[in-house]
Amino acid sequence: MRKLIVSNMVSLDGYFEGANGDLSWHVVDDEFHQYAEEMLNAADVILLGRKTYQMMASYWPSEAAIATDPIIARKMNSLPKIVFSRSLDKVCWNNTGIVKDDIVTTIKKLKEQTGKDILILGSGSIVSAFTQQGLINEYAIIINPVILGAGKPQFTGLEDKKSWTW
């Protein structure tokens, strides 16, 4: 069975997005680039929520992304991507499809297929929903050395405590 892995950056106070969607505090250095390459090489599908999809689809196919981060851009643009959205009717990023309903069944079927890891980037509401359903196998949470004081927390709307072993 394939693993469903969340990979996100968070602030020391637990936000994965600052106020007004601010991501300028993300530390993207050589160590992060090496991690990102390894993570993308171990995956063969990326899952995204609508907002994360729109942000990434506007950046990764761009000439600036390809020039600045050619290895990561190549992987991001070539890997299959699934966007979970009830409001989008079409997507324009290469190798991207939309799932509007029954996301839990979609994930269960994906996990049963043979293949590499399934990766979730950003997508806080999707991460919270999949966490509540017990679908996520691994959390790769990168803590950035900043306190934001406000923003969007990594987890919202969970009905009860969740515990994992190290």
N, C-alpha and C. Protein backbone atom coordinates (compact mmCIF):
# COMPACT_ATOMS: atom_id res chain seq x y z
N MET A 1 0.84 -1.18 0.00
CA MET A 1 0.00 0.00 0.00
C MET A 1 0.88 1.25 0.00
N ARG A 2 0.49 2.23 -0.80
CA ARG A 2 1.23 3.48 -0.89
C ARG A 2 1.03 4.33 0.35
N LYS A 3 2.03 5.18 0.62
CA LYS A 3 1.94 6.10 1.75
C LYS A 3 1.43 7.46 1.27
N LEU A 4 0.59 8.06 2.10
CA LEU A 4 0.12 9.42 1.88
C LEU A 4 0.91 10.31 2.83
N ILE A 5 1.69 11.22 2.26
CA ILE A 5 2.61 12.05 3.03
C ILE A 5 2.27 13.53 2.87
N VAL A 6 2.19 14.23 4.00
CA VAL A 6 2.02 15.68 4.00
C VAL A 6 3.40 16.30 4.17
N SER A 7 3.72 17.27 3.34
CA SER A 7 4.96 18.02 3.50
C SER A 7 4.63 19.50 3.50
N ASN A 8 4.81 20.13 4.66
CA ASN A 8 4.49 21.54 4.81
C ASN A 8 5.47 22.24 5.72
N MET A 9 5.64 23.53 5.50
CA MET A 9 6.39 24.38 6.42
C MET A 9 5.41 25.02 7.39
N VAL A 10 5.83 25.12 8.65
CA VAL A 10 5.02 25.80 9.64
C VAL A 10 5.89 26.74 10.45
N SER A 11 5.25 27.74 11.03
CA SER A 11 5.95 28.65 11.93
C SER A 11 6.06 28.00 13.31
N LEU A 12 6.85 28.59 14.18
CA LEU A 12 6.98 28.06 15.54
C LEU A 12 5.65 28.02 16.27
N ASP A 13 4.73 28.93 15.91
CA ASP A 13 3.43 28.94 16.56
C ASP A 13 2.36 28.18 15.76
N GLY A 14 2.79 27.34 14.84
CA GLY A 14 1.89 26.38 14.21
C GLY A 14 1.12 26.82 12.99
N TYR A 15 1.47 27.96 12.40
CA TYR A 15 0.78 28.41 11.20
C TYR A 15 1.52 27.94 9.95
N PHE A 16 0.77 27.48 8.95
CA PHE A 16 1.41 27.12 7.70
C PHE A 16 1.22 28.20 6.64
N GLU A 17 0.44 29.21 7.00
CA GLU A 17 0.21 30.36 6.12
C GLU A 17 0.05 31.57 7.03
N GLY A 18 0.74 32.64 6.72
CA GLY A 18 0.61 33.85 7.51
C GLY A 18 -0.66 34.59 7.19
N ALA A 19 -0.87 35.72 7.87
CA ALA A 19 -2.04 36.56 7.61
C ALA A 19 -2.08 36.94 6.13
N ASN A 20 -3.27 36.96 5.58
CA ASN A 20 -3.48 37.31 4.16
C ASN A 20 -2.72 36.39 3.21
N GLY A 21 -2.50 35.14 3.61
CA GLY A 21 -1.84 34.17 2.73
C GLY A 21 -0.34 34.34 2.62
N ASP A 22 0.26 35.13 3.50
CA ASP A 22 1.70 35.42 3.43
C ASP A 22 2.54 34.15 3.59
N LEU A 23 3.43 33.92 2.63
CA LEU A 23 4.39 32.81 2.69
C LEU A 23 5.83 33.31 2.62
N SER A 24 6.02 34.61 2.75
CA SER A 24 7.36 35.19 2.61
C SER A 24 8.32 34.72 3.69
N TRP A 25 7.83 34.15 4.76
CA TRP A 25 8.65 33.69 5.87
C TRP A 25 9.23 32.29 5.63
N HIS A 26 8.80 31.60 4.59
CA HIS A 26 9.33 30.27 4.27
C HIS A 26 10.83 30.35 4.01
N VAL A 27 11.59 29.47 4.65
CA VAL A 27 13.03 29.40 4.43
C VAL A 27 13.28 28.39 3.30
N VAL A 28 13.65 28.91 2.15
CA VAL A 28 13.92 28.07 0.98
C VAL A 28 15.39 28.25 0.64
N ASP A 29 16.19 27.33 1.17
CA ASP A 29 17.64 27.39 0.99
C ASP A 29 18.13 26.10 0.33
N ASP A 30 19.43 25.92 0.25
CA ASP A 30 19.99 24.72 -0.40
C ASP A 30 19.52 23.44 0.28
N GLU A 31 19.46 23.45 1.60
CA GLU A 31 19.01 22.26 2.33
C GLU A 31 17.56 21.93 1.98
N PHE A 32 16.71 22.96 1.89
CA PHE A 32 15.33 22.72 1.52
C PHE A 32 15.23 22.20 0.09
N HIS A 33 16.01 22.76 -0.82
CA HIS A 33 15.98 22.30 -2.21
C HIS A 33 16.37 20.82 -2.31
N GLN A 34 17.37 20.41 -1.56
CA GLN A 34 17.78 19.01 -1.55
C GLN A 34 16.63 18.13 -1.03
N TYR A 35 16.01 18.56 0.07
CA TYR A 35 14.87 17.83 0.63
C TYR A 35 13.74 17.74 -0.40
N ALA A 36 13.42 18.85 -1.06
CA ALA A 36 12.33 18.89 -2.03
C ALA A 36 12.59 17.93 -3.19
N GLU A 37 13.81 17.90 -3.68
CA GLU A 37 14.15 16.97 -4.77
C GLU A 37 13.94 15.52 -4.33
N GLU A 38 14.43 15.18 -3.15
CA GLU A 38 14.28 13.81 -2.65
C GLU A 38 12.81 13.45 -2.46
N MET A 39 12.04 14.38 -1.90
CA MET A 39 10.62 14.16 -1.66
C MET A 39 9.88 13.94 -2.98
N LEU A 40 10.15 14.78 -3.96
CA LEU A 40 9.47 14.65 -5.25
C LEU A 40 9.90 13.39 -6.00
N ASN A 41 11.15 12.98 -5.85
CA ASN A 41 11.61 11.74 -6.48
C ASN A 41 10.94 10.51 -5.89
N ALA A 42 10.51 10.59 -4.64
CA ALA A 42 9.89 9.45 -3.97
C ALA A 42 8.37 9.40 -4.21
N ALA A 43 7.83 10.39 -4.90
CA ALA A 43 6.38 10.47 -5.12
C ALA A 43 6.05 10.30 -6.60
N ASP A 44 4.82 9.87 -6.86
CA ASP A 44 4.38 9.84 -8.26
C ASP A 44 3.02 10.48 -8.46
N VAL A 45 2.52 11.15 -7.44
CA VAL A 45 1.31 11.97 -7.58
C VAL A 45 1.31 13.01 -6.47
N ILE A 46 0.81 14.21 -6.80
CA ILE A 46 0.71 15.32 -5.85
C ILE A 46 -0.76 15.67 -5.69
N LEU A 47 -1.19 15.83 -4.44
CA LEU A 47 -2.56 16.25 -4.15
C LEU A 47 -2.55 17.70 -3.68
N LEU A 48 -3.53 18.46 -4.15
CA LEU A 48 -3.58 19.88 -3.84
C LEU A 48 -5.02 20.32 -3.60
N GLY A 49 -5.20 21.25 -2.69
CA GLY A 49 -6.47 21.95 -2.58
C GLY A 49 -6.51 23.06 -3.62
N ARG A 50 -7.66 23.69 -3.77
CA ARG A 50 -7.83 24.70 -4.81
C ARG A 50 -6.86 25.86 -4.67
N LYS A 51 -6.75 26.45 -3.47
CA LYS A 51 -5.89 27.62 -3.31
C LYS A 51 -4.43 27.27 -3.56
N THR A 52 -3.98 26.15 -3.05
CA THR A 52 -2.59 25.74 -3.28
C THR A 52 -2.37 25.47 -4.76
N TYR A 53 -3.32 24.81 -5.40
CA TYR A 53 -3.21 24.56 -6.84
C TYR A 53 -3.06 25.87 -7.59
N GLN A 54 -3.92 26.84 -7.32
CA GLN A 54 -3.87 28.10 -8.06
C GLN A 54 -2.54 28.82 -7.86
N MET A 55 -2.01 28.78 -6.64
CA MET A 55 -0.73 29.42 -6.37
C MET A 55 0.40 28.70 -7.12
N MET A 56 0.43 27.38 -7.02
CA MET A 56 1.52 26.63 -7.64
C MET A 56 1.42 26.61 -9.16
N ALA A 57 0.20 26.54 -9.68
CA ALA A 57 0.02 26.53 -11.13
C ALA A 57 0.42 27.85 -11.75
N SER A 58 0.38 28.92 -10.97
CA SER A 58 0.80 30.22 -11.50
C SER A 58 2.32 30.38 -11.45
N TYR A 59 3.00 29.55 -10.63
CA TYR A 59 4.45 29.70 -10.49
C TYR A 59 5.25 28.64 -11.25
N TRP A 60 5.02 27.36 -10.99
CA TRP A 60 5.92 26.32 -11.48
C TRP A 60 6.06 26.23 -13.00
N PRO A 61 5.04 26.47 -13.78
CA PRO A 61 5.25 26.44 -15.24
C PRO A 61 5.92 27.70 -15.79
N SER A 62 6.13 28.71 -14.94
CA SER A 62 6.67 29.99 -15.42
C SER A 62 8.15 29.88 -15.79
N GLU A 63 8.57 30.78 -16.65
CA GLU A 63 9.99 30.84 -17.04
C GLU A 63 10.87 31.11 -15.83
N ALA A 64 10.40 31.93 -14.90
CA ALA A 64 11.18 32.25 -13.70
C ALA A 64 11.43 31.00 -12.86
N ALA A 65 10.39 30.18 -12.66
CA ALA A 65 10.55 28.95 -11.87
C ALA A 65 11.49 27.98 -12.56
N ILE A 66 11.34 27.84 -13.86
CA ILE A 66 12.18 26.91 -14.62
C ILE A 66 13.64 27.37 -14.59
N ALA A 67 13.87 28.66 -14.65
CA ALA A 67 15.24 29.19 -14.61
C ALA A 67 15.83 29.11 -13.20
N THR A 68 15.03 29.40 -12.19
CA THR A 68 15.51 29.44 -10.81
C THR A 68 15.65 28.06 -10.19
N ASP A 69 14.67 27.21 -10.41
CA ASP A 69 14.61 25.87 -9.80
C ASP A 69 14.34 24.82 -10.87
N PRO A 70 15.25 24.60 -11.81
CA PRO A 70 14.93 23.72 -12.94
C PRO A 70 14.60 22.28 -12.56
N ILE A 71 15.27 21.72 -11.59
CA ILE A 71 15.02 20.32 -11.22
C ILE A 71 13.65 20.18 -10.57
N ILE A 72 13.37 21.06 -9.61
CA ILE A 72 12.08 21.00 -8.93
C ILE A 72 10.96 21.36 -9.89
N ALA A 73 11.16 22.37 -10.71
CA ALA A 73 10.14 22.76 -11.69
C ALA A 73 9.81 21.61 -12.63
N ARG A 74 10.82 20.90 -13.09
CA ARG A 74 10.59 19.77 -13.99
C ARG A 74 9.70 18.71 -13.31
N LYS A 75 10.01 18.40 -12.05
CA LYS A 75 9.21 17.41 -11.32
C LYS A 75 7.79 17.92 -11.06
N MET A 76 7.68 19.15 -10.61
CA MET A 76 6.36 19.71 -10.31
C MET A 76 5.49 19.77 -11.56
N ASN A 77 6.09 20.08 -12.68
CA ASN A 77 5.32 20.20 -13.92
C ASN A 77 5.00 18.85 -14.56
N SER A 78 5.82 17.84 -14.30
CA SER A 78 5.60 16.55 -14.96
C SER A 78 4.80 15.55 -14.12
N LEU A 79 4.88 15.64 -12.79
CA LEU A 79 4.14 14.68 -11.96
C LEU A 79 2.64 14.86 -12.11
N PRO A 80 1.88 13.76 -12.07
CA PRO A 80 0.42 13.89 -12.04
C PRO A 80 -0.03 14.61 -10.78
N LYS A 81 -1.04 15.46 -10.94
CA LYS A 81 -1.56 16.24 -9.83
C LYS A 81 -3.08 16.08 -9.78
N ILE A 82 -3.62 16.01 -8.56
CA ILE A 82 -5.06 15.97 -8.36
C ILE A 82 -5.43 17.16 -7.49
N VAL A 83 -6.40 17.93 -7.97
CA VAL A 83 -6.90 19.08 -7.23
C VAL A 83 -8.26 18.72 -6.67
N PHE A 84 -8.43 18.92 -5.36
CA PHE A 84 -9.72 18.71 -4.72
C PHE A 84 -10.41 20.05 -4.62
N SER A 85 -11.49 20.21 -5.40
CA SER A 85 -12.19 21.50 -5.44
C SER A 85 -13.62 21.30 -5.92
N ARG A 86 -14.53 21.92 -5.22
CA ARG A 86 -15.92 21.92 -5.67
C ARG A 86 -16.20 23.11 -6.59
N SER A 87 -15.32 24.11 -6.57
CA SER A 87 -15.60 25.33 -7.34
C SER A 87 -14.88 25.41 -8.68
N LEU A 88 -13.76 24.72 -8.83
CA LEU A 88 -13.06 24.75 -10.12
C LEU A 88 -13.78 23.87 -11.14
N ASP A 89 -13.89 24.37 -12.36
CA ASP A 89 -14.48 23.57 -13.43
C ASP A 89 -13.43 23.06 -14.40
N LYS A 90 -12.27 23.73 -14.43
CA LYS A 90 -11.20 23.28 -15.30
C LYS A 90 -9.85 23.64 -14.67
N VAL A 91 -8.84 22.92 -15.11
CA VAL A 91 -7.47 23.19 -14.67
C VAL A 91 -6.61 23.31 -15.91
N CYS A 92 -5.53 24.08 -15.79
CA CYS A 92 -4.70 24.31 -16.97
C CYS A 92 -3.26 23.86 -16.78
N TRP A 93 -2.90 23.38 -15.61
CA TRP A 93 -1.53 22.93 -15.35
C TRP A 93 -1.37 21.51 -15.87
N ASN A 94 -0.28 21.26 -16.55
CA ASN A 94 0.02 19.96 -17.13
C ASN A 94 -0.21 18.82 -16.14
N ASN A 95 -0.81 17.73 -16.61
CA ASN A 95 -1.01 16.50 -15.83
C ASN A 95 -1.84 16.72 -14.57
N THR A 96 -2.87 17.54 -14.66
CA THR A 96 -3.70 17.85 -13.50
C THR A 96 -5.14 17.47 -13.76
N GLY A 97 -5.77 16.84 -12.77
CA GLY A 97 -7.19 16.51 -12.83
C GLY A 97 -7.90 17.08 -11.61
N ILE A 98 -9.22 17.11 -11.66
CA ILE A 98 -10.05 17.64 -10.58
C ILE A 98 -10.89 16.52 -9.98
N VAL A 99 -10.98 16.50 -8.66
CA VAL A 99 -11.92 15.64 -7.96
C VAL A 99 -12.83 16.56 -7.16
N LYS A 100 -14.13 16.47 -7.41
CA LYS A 100 -15.09 17.37 -6.76
C LYS A 100 -15.79 16.73 -5.56
N ASP A 101 -16.00 15.43 -5.60
CA ASP A 101 -16.77 14.76 -4.56
C ASP A 101 -16.07 13.49 -4.11
N ASP A 102 -16.48 13.00 -2.96
CA ASP A 102 -16.03 11.73 -2.41
C ASP A 102 -14.51 11.61 -2.39
N ILE A 103 -13.88 12.59 -1.76
CA ILE A 103 -12.42 12.64 -1.73
C ILE A 103 -11.83 11.48 -0.92
N VAL A 104 -12.55 11.03 0.10
CA VAL A 104 -12.04 9.94 0.92
C VAL A 104 -11.93 8.66 0.10
N THR A 105 -12.95 8.34 -0.68
CA THR A 105 -12.90 7.15 -1.54
C THR A 105 -11.78 7.28 -2.56
N THR A 106 -11.60 8.47 -3.12
CA THR A 106 -10.52 8.70 -4.08
C THR A 106 -9.17 8.38 -3.45
N ILE A 107 -8.94 8.86 -2.23
CA ILE A 107 -7.66 8.63 -1.55
C ILE A 107 -7.48 7.15 -1.23
N LYS A 108 -8.50 6.51 -0.74
CA LYS A 108 -8.40 5.08 -0.42
C LYS A 108 -8.03 4.28 -1.66
N LYS A 109 -8.63 4.59 -2.79
CA LYS A 109 -8.32 3.88 -4.05
C LYS A 109 -6.89 4.16 -4.49
N LEU A 110 -6.46 5.42 -4.38
CA LEU A 110 -5.08 5.77 -4.74
C LEU A 110 -4.07 5.01 -3.89
N LYS A 111 -4.34 4.93 -2.59
CA LYS A 111 -3.42 4.26 -1.68
C LYS A 111 -3.33 2.76 -1.97
N GLU A 112 -4.40 2.18 -2.49
CA GLU A 112 -4.40 0.74 -2.79
C GLU A 112 -3.65 0.41 -4.08
N GLN A 113 -3.44 1.39 -4.93
CA GLN A 113 -2.73 1.16 -6.18
C GLN A 113 -1.24 0.99 -5.92
N THR A 114 -0.56 0.32 -6.84
CA THR A 114 0.89 0.24 -6.72
C THR A 114 1.49 1.55 -7.19
N GLY A 115 2.63 1.89 -6.65
CA GLY A 115 3.29 3.11 -7.05
C GLY A 115 4.10 3.68 -5.92
N LYS A 116 4.60 4.87 -6.16
CA LYS A 116 5.40 5.59 -5.18
C LYS A 116 4.47 6.31 -4.21
N ASP A 117 5.07 7.15 -3.35
CA ASP A 117 4.31 7.91 -2.36
C ASP A 117 3.34 8.87 -3.03
N ILE A 118 2.30 9.22 -2.28
CA ILE A 118 1.33 10.25 -2.65
C ILE A 118 1.65 11.44 -1.76
N LEU A 119 1.78 12.60 -2.34
CA LEU A 119 2.28 13.77 -1.62
C LEU A 119 1.23 14.87 -1.57
N ILE A 120 1.02 15.43 -0.39
CA ILE A 120 0.16 16.61 -0.23
C ILE A 120 1.05 17.78 0.12
N LEU A 121 0.93 18.86 -0.64
CA LEU A 121 1.67 20.10 -0.37
C LEU A 121 0.67 21.19 -0.03
N GLY A 122 0.96 21.96 1.03
CA GLY A 122 0.03 23.03 1.42
C GLY A 122 -1.32 22.43 1.76
N SER A 123 -2.38 23.06 1.25
CA SER A 123 -3.71 22.45 1.26
C SER A 123 -4.22 22.12 2.65
N GLY A 124 -4.24 23.13 3.53
CA GLY A 124 -4.61 22.94 4.92
C GLY A 124 -5.94 22.25 5.16
N SER A 125 -6.98 22.63 4.44
CA SER A 125 -8.29 22.01 4.68
C SER A 125 -8.29 20.55 4.26
N ILE A 126 -7.55 20.23 3.20
CA ILE A 126 -7.45 18.83 2.76
C ILE A 126 -6.66 18.03 3.79
N VAL A 127 -5.57 18.61 4.29
CA VAL A 127 -4.76 17.93 5.31
C VAL A 127 -5.61 17.66 6.54
N SER A 128 -6.38 18.64 6.98
CA SER A 128 -7.23 18.45 8.16
C SER A 128 -8.28 17.38 7.91
N ALA A 129 -8.92 17.40 6.76
CA ALA A 129 -9.96 16.40 6.45
C ALA A 129 -9.36 14.99 6.40
N PHE A 130 -8.22 14.85 5.76
CA PHE A 130 -7.59 13.52 5.67
C PHE A 130 -7.05 13.06 7.02
N THR A 131 -6.60 14.01 7.85
CA THR A 131 -6.16 13.66 9.20
C THR A 131 -7.34 13.13 10.00
N GLN A 132 -8.47 13.82 9.92
CA GLN A 132 -9.67 13.39 10.64
C GLN A 132 -10.08 11.98 10.22
N GLN A 133 -9.89 11.64 8.96
CA GLN A 133 -10.28 10.32 8.45
C GLN A 133 -9.20 9.26 8.67
N GLY A 134 -8.05 9.65 9.21
CA GLY A 134 -6.97 8.69 9.46
C GLY A 134 -6.29 8.20 8.19
N LEU A 135 -6.26 9.04 7.16
CA LEU A 135 -5.72 8.63 5.86
C LEU A 135 -4.24 8.95 5.67
N ILE A 136 -3.69 9.83 6.49
CA ILE A 136 -2.31 10.28 6.30
C ILE A 136 -1.36 9.35 7.05
N ASN A 137 -0.33 8.91 6.34
CA ASN A 137 0.65 8.00 6.92
C ASN A 137 1.84 8.70 7.55
N GLU A 138 2.17 9.86 7.01
CA GLU A 138 3.39 10.53 7.48
C GLU A 138 3.24 12.03 7.33
N TYR A 139 3.77 12.76 8.33
CA TYR A 139 3.79 14.21 8.29
C TYR A 139 5.25 14.67 8.27
N ALA A 140 5.64 15.35 7.22
CA ALA A 140 6.97 15.95 7.13
C ALA A 140 6.77 17.45 7.34
N ILE A 141 6.82 17.86 8.59
CA ILE A 141 6.55 19.24 8.96
C ILE A 141 7.89 19.94 9.19
N ILE A 142 8.15 20.96 8.41
CA ILE A 142 9.39 21.73 8.49
C ILE A 142 9.09 22.99 9.30
N ILE A 143 9.70 23.09 10.46
CA ILE A 143 9.45 24.23 11.34
C ILE A 143 10.43 25.35 10.99
N ASN A 144 9.86 26.49 10.60
CA ASN A 144 10.67 27.66 10.27
C ASN A 144 10.84 28.53 11.51
N PRO A 145 12.00 29.17 11.65
CA PRO A 145 12.31 29.95 12.86
C PRO A 145 11.65 31.32 12.85
N VAL A 146 10.32 31.32 12.97
CA VAL A 146 9.57 32.57 12.98
C VAL A 146 8.28 32.35 13.77
N ILE A 147 7.84 33.38 14.46
CA ILE A 147 6.54 33.38 15.12
C ILE A 147 5.68 34.39 14.37
N LEU A 148 4.56 33.93 13.82
CA LEU A 148 3.72 34.80 13.01
C LEU A 148 2.65 35.52 13.81
N GLY A 149 2.16 34.91 14.87
CA GLY A 149 1.13 35.53 15.69
C GLY A 149 -0.27 35.42 15.14
N ALA A 150 -0.39 35.20 13.84
CA ALA A 150 -1.70 35.05 13.21
C ALA A 150 -1.50 34.37 11.86
N GLY A 151 -2.56 33.81 11.34
CA GLY A 151 -2.50 33.14 10.06
C GLY A 151 -3.42 31.94 10.04
N LYS A 152 -3.10 31.00 9.20
CA LYS A 152 -3.90 29.78 9.08
C LYS A 152 -3.14 28.64 9.73
N PRO A 153 -3.72 28.01 10.77
CA PRO A 153 -3.03 26.91 11.42
C PRO A 153 -2.97 25.68 10.53
N GLN A 154 -1.98 24.84 10.78
CA GLN A 154 -1.81 23.62 10.00
C GLN A 154 -3.04 22.73 10.11
N PHE A 155 -3.64 22.64 11.29
CA PHE A 155 -4.79 21.76 11.49
C PHE A 155 -5.96 22.56 12.03
N THR A 156 -7.13 22.37 11.42
CA THR A 156 -8.35 23.02 11.89
C THR A 156 -9.50 22.02 11.84
N GLY A 157 -10.45 22.22 12.71
CA GLY A 157 -11.69 21.45 12.66
C GLY A 157 -11.58 19.99 13.07
N LEU A 158 -10.49 19.60 13.71
CA LEU A 158 -10.38 18.21 14.13
C LEU A 158 -11.31 17.97 15.31
N GLU A 159 -11.98 16.83 15.30
CA GLU A 159 -12.99 16.55 16.31
C GLU A 159 -12.41 15.98 17.60
N ASP A 160 -11.24 15.39 17.53
CA ASP A 160 -10.65 14.82 18.72
C ASP A 160 -9.13 14.78 18.60
N LYS A 161 -8.49 14.43 19.69
CA LYS A 161 -7.03 14.37 19.74
C LYS A 161 -6.52 13.29 18.79
N LYS A 162 -5.41 13.57 18.14
CA LYS A 162 -4.75 12.61 17.26
C LYS A 162 -3.34 12.38 17.82
N SER A 163 -2.94 11.15 17.91
CA SER A 163 -1.61 10.81 18.43
C SER A 163 -0.90 9.88 17.47
N TRP A 164 0.42 10.04 17.39
CA TRP A 164 1.25 9.18 16.56
C TRP A 164 2.45 8.72 17.36
N THR A 165 3.11 7.72 16.85
CA THR A 165 4.36 7.28 17.47
C THR A 165 5.51 7.73 16.58
N TRP A 166 6.67 7.90 17.17
CA TRP A 166 7.85 8.35 16.43
C TRP A 166 8.56 7.18 15.84
